[in-house]
Amino acid sequence: MTRRRRGSPKPIFRGLDFEGKSCTRKVRFANEREALERAGYLAVAHPTELGKCAYACEFCGGWHLATRRAD
């Protein structure tokens, strides 16, 4: 059975490229506080861009930033 994201018809695919997009190509922060501080700095430095949110990485155990969706 293929899992699907809530509200999305697309299945969740955790292939080889997923780790690259989710972890290895991003800056790693040691904890959530550091990630949120960086997100706050980026919000001030680039006010016209979409905000960032922090998430715990399932691959490295660190924290990364992701762009918030403009819903």
N, C-alpha and C. Protein backbone atom coordinates (compact mmCIF):
# COMPACT_ATOMS: atom_id res chain seq x y z
N MET A 1 0.85 -1.19 0.00
CA MET A 1 0.00 0.00 0.00
C MET A 1 0.89 1.25 0.00
N THR A 2 0.58 2.20 -0.83
CA THR A 2 1.33 3.44 -0.92
C THR A 2 0.72 4.48 0.00
N ARG A 3 1.56 5.08 0.84
CA ARG A 3 1.08 6.14 1.72
C ARG A 3 0.93 7.43 0.92
N ARG A 4 0.02 8.27 1.33
CA ARG A 4 -0.19 9.55 0.67
C ARG A 4 -0.17 10.66 1.70
N ARG A 5 0.29 11.82 1.28
CA ARG A 5 0.24 12.99 2.15
C ARG A 5 -1.21 13.37 2.34
N ARG A 6 -1.50 13.87 3.52
CA ARG A 6 -2.86 14.31 3.82
C ARG A 6 -3.23 15.44 2.87
N GLY A 7 -4.35 15.32 2.20
CA GLY A 7 -4.84 16.35 1.29
C GLY A 7 -4.14 16.38 -0.05
N SER A 8 -3.32 15.39 -0.36
CA SER A 8 -2.60 15.38 -1.63
C SER A 8 -2.82 14.04 -2.33
N PRO A 9 -3.06 14.08 -3.63
CA PRO A 9 -3.23 12.82 -4.36
C PRO A 9 -1.90 12.13 -4.66
N LYS A 10 -0.78 12.83 -4.41
CA LYS A 10 0.52 12.26 -4.73
C LYS A 10 0.99 11.35 -3.60
N PRO A 11 1.57 10.20 -3.92
CA PRO A 11 2.12 9.34 -2.88
C PRO A 11 3.41 9.92 -2.32
N ILE A 12 3.74 9.57 -1.09
CA ILE A 12 5.00 9.98 -0.49
C ILE A 12 6.08 9.09 -1.08
N PHE A 13 7.08 9.70 -1.70
CA PHE A 13 8.18 8.94 -2.29
C PHE A 13 9.45 9.27 -1.54
N ARG A 14 10.06 8.31 -0.98
CA ARG A 14 11.30 8.51 -0.23
C ARG A 14 12.44 7.83 -0.98
N GLY A 15 12.68 8.25 -2.20
CA GLY A 15 13.72 7.67 -3.03
C GLY A 15 15.08 8.26 -2.76
N LEU A 16 16.01 7.96 -3.62
CA LEU A 16 17.39 8.40 -3.45
C LEU A 16 17.52 9.91 -3.43
N ASP A 17 16.75 10.60 -4.25
CA ASP A 17 16.86 12.05 -4.34
C ASP A 17 16.22 12.75 -3.14
N PHE A 18 15.34 12.07 -2.43
CA PHE A 18 14.65 12.70 -1.30
C PHE A 18 15.65 13.14 -0.23
N GLU A 19 16.64 12.30 0.07
CA GLU A 19 17.62 12.66 1.08
C GLU A 19 18.40 13.90 0.66
N GLY A 20 18.72 14.00 -0.62
CA GLY A 20 19.44 15.17 -1.11
C GLY A 20 18.62 16.43 -0.95
N LYS A 21 17.37 16.38 -1.31
CA LYS A 21 16.50 17.56 -1.21
C LYS A 21 16.19 17.90 0.24
N SER A 22 16.08 16.90 1.07
CA SER A 22 15.68 17.12 2.45
C SER A 22 16.84 17.39 3.40
N CYS A 23 18.04 16.87 3.09
CA CYS A 23 19.11 16.92 4.08
C CYS A 23 20.47 17.37 3.52
N THR A 24 21.06 16.57 2.67
CA THR A 24 22.47 16.76 2.34
C THR A 24 22.78 18.06 1.62
N ARG A 25 21.81 18.64 0.94
CA ARG A 25 22.05 19.91 0.25
C ARG A 25 21.71 21.13 1.10
N LYS A 26 21.34 20.92 2.35
CA LYS A 26 20.91 22.03 3.21
C LYS A 26 21.87 22.24 4.36
N VAL A 27 21.81 23.43 4.94
CA VAL A 27 22.61 23.75 6.11
C VAL A 27 22.03 23.00 7.31
N ARG A 28 22.91 22.38 8.10
CA ARG A 28 22.47 21.63 9.28
C ARG A 28 22.66 22.50 10.52
N PHE A 29 21.62 22.58 11.34
CA PHE A 29 21.69 23.30 12.61
C PHE A 29 21.67 22.27 13.74
N ALA A 30 22.35 22.58 14.83
CA ALA A 30 22.46 21.63 15.94
C ALA A 30 21.15 21.45 16.69
N ASN A 31 20.34 22.51 16.74
CA ASN A 31 19.07 22.42 17.48
C ASN A 31 18.03 23.36 16.86
N GLU A 32 16.83 23.24 17.35
CA GLU A 32 15.73 24.02 16.80
C GLU A 32 15.93 25.52 17.02
N ARG A 33 16.48 25.89 18.17
CA ARG A 33 16.69 27.31 18.47
C ARG A 33 17.59 27.97 17.44
N GLU A 34 18.71 27.32 17.09
CA GLU A 34 19.62 27.87 16.09
C GLU A 34 18.94 28.01 14.73
N ALA A 35 18.14 27.02 14.37
CA ALA A 35 17.44 27.08 13.09
C ALA A 35 16.42 28.22 13.07
N LEU A 36 15.69 28.39 14.16
CA LEU A 36 14.70 29.47 14.22
C LEU A 36 15.36 30.85 14.26
N GLU A 37 16.52 30.96 14.90
CA GLU A 37 17.25 32.23 14.89
C GLU A 37 17.65 32.60 13.46
N ARG A 38 18.13 31.63 12.71
CA ARG A 38 18.50 31.88 11.31
C ARG A 38 17.27 32.25 10.49
N ALA A 39 16.15 31.57 10.73
CA ALA A 39 14.91 31.89 10.01
C ALA A 39 14.48 33.33 10.31
N GLY A 40 14.63 33.76 11.56
CA GLY A 40 14.31 35.13 11.93
C GLY A 40 15.20 36.13 11.24
N TYR A 41 16.49 35.84 11.18
CA TYR A 41 17.44 36.71 10.47
C TYR A 41 17.05 36.82 8.99
N LEU A 42 16.74 35.71 8.36
CA LEU A 42 16.38 35.73 6.94
C LEU A 42 15.09 36.52 6.70
N ALA A 43 14.16 36.45 7.64
CA ALA A 43 12.91 37.20 7.51
C ALA A 43 13.17 38.71 7.53
N VAL A 44 14.12 39.14 8.36
CA VAL A 44 14.47 40.57 8.44
C VAL A 44 15.30 40.99 7.23
N ALA A 45 16.24 40.16 6.84
CA ALA A 45 17.14 40.50 5.74
C ALA A 45 16.45 40.47 4.37
N HIS A 46 15.45 39.61 4.22
CA HIS A 46 14.74 39.46 2.95
C HIS A 46 13.23 39.46 3.19
N PRO A 47 12.66 40.62 3.52
CA PRO A 47 11.24 40.67 3.91
C PRO A 47 10.25 40.34 2.79
N THR A 48 10.66 40.42 1.54
CA THR A 48 9.72 40.16 0.45
C THR A 48 9.65 38.68 0.09
N GLU A 49 10.55 37.86 0.61
CA GLU A 49 10.55 36.43 0.29
C GLU A 49 9.66 35.66 1.27
N LEU A 50 9.29 34.44 0.88
CA LEU A 50 8.49 33.59 1.76
C LEU A 50 9.29 33.26 3.01
N GLY A 51 8.60 33.09 4.13
CA GLY A 51 9.26 32.77 5.39
C GLY A 51 9.80 31.35 5.42
N LYS A 52 10.59 31.08 6.42
CA LYS A 52 11.19 29.76 6.60
C LYS A 52 10.63 29.12 7.87
N CYS A 53 10.59 27.80 7.88
CA CYS A 53 10.22 27.07 9.07
C CYS A 53 11.28 26.01 9.33
N ALA A 54 11.45 25.65 10.59
CA ALA A 54 12.46 24.66 10.97
C ALA A 54 11.81 23.28 11.07
N TYR A 55 12.58 22.26 10.72
CA TYR A 55 12.09 20.88 10.88
C TYR A 55 13.23 19.97 11.28
N ALA A 56 12.90 18.96 12.06
CA ALA A 56 13.87 17.96 12.49
C ALA A 56 14.09 17.00 11.34
N CYS A 57 15.35 16.73 11.02
CA CYS A 57 15.69 15.87 9.89
C CYS A 57 15.70 14.41 10.29
N GLU A 58 15.02 13.59 9.51
CA GLU A 58 14.98 12.16 9.79
C GLU A 58 16.26 11.45 9.37
N PHE A 59 17.10 12.10 8.57
CA PHE A 59 18.32 11.47 8.09
C PHE A 59 19.51 11.74 8.99
N CYS A 60 19.75 13.01 9.35
CA CYS A 60 20.96 13.35 10.11
C CYS A 60 20.70 13.64 11.58
N GLY A 61 19.45 13.80 11.98
CA GLY A 61 19.14 14.11 13.37
C GLY A 61 19.31 15.58 13.71
N GLY A 62 19.73 16.40 12.74
CA GLY A 62 19.86 17.84 12.95
C GLY A 62 18.57 18.56 12.59
N TRP A 63 18.69 19.85 12.40
CA TRP A 63 17.55 20.68 12.02
C TRP A 63 17.89 21.42 10.73
N HIS A 64 16.90 21.61 9.88
CA HIS A 64 17.06 22.34 8.62
C HIS A 64 15.93 23.36 8.49
N LEU A 65 16.07 24.24 7.50
CA LEU A 65 15.02 25.20 7.20
C LEU A 65 14.36 24.83 5.88
N ALA A 66 13.06 25.05 5.83
CA ALA A 66 12.30 24.84 4.61
C ALA A 66 11.47 26.08 4.33
N THR A 67 11.18 26.35 3.09
CA THR A 67 10.36 27.49 2.73
C THR A 67 8.90 27.18 3.02
N ARG A 68 8.23 28.11 3.67
CA ARG A 68 6.81 27.93 3.93
C ARG A 68 6.03 28.10 2.65
N ARG A 69 4.97 27.35 2.53
CA ARG A 69 4.12 27.49 1.35
C ARG A 69 3.24 28.73 1.51
N ALA A 70 2.90 29.34 0.41
CA ALA A 70 2.10 30.57 0.41
C ALA A 70 0.61 30.23 0.29
N ASP A 71 0.08 29.43 1.21
CA ASP A 71 -1.34 29.04 1.15
C ASP A 71 -2.20 30.15 1.57
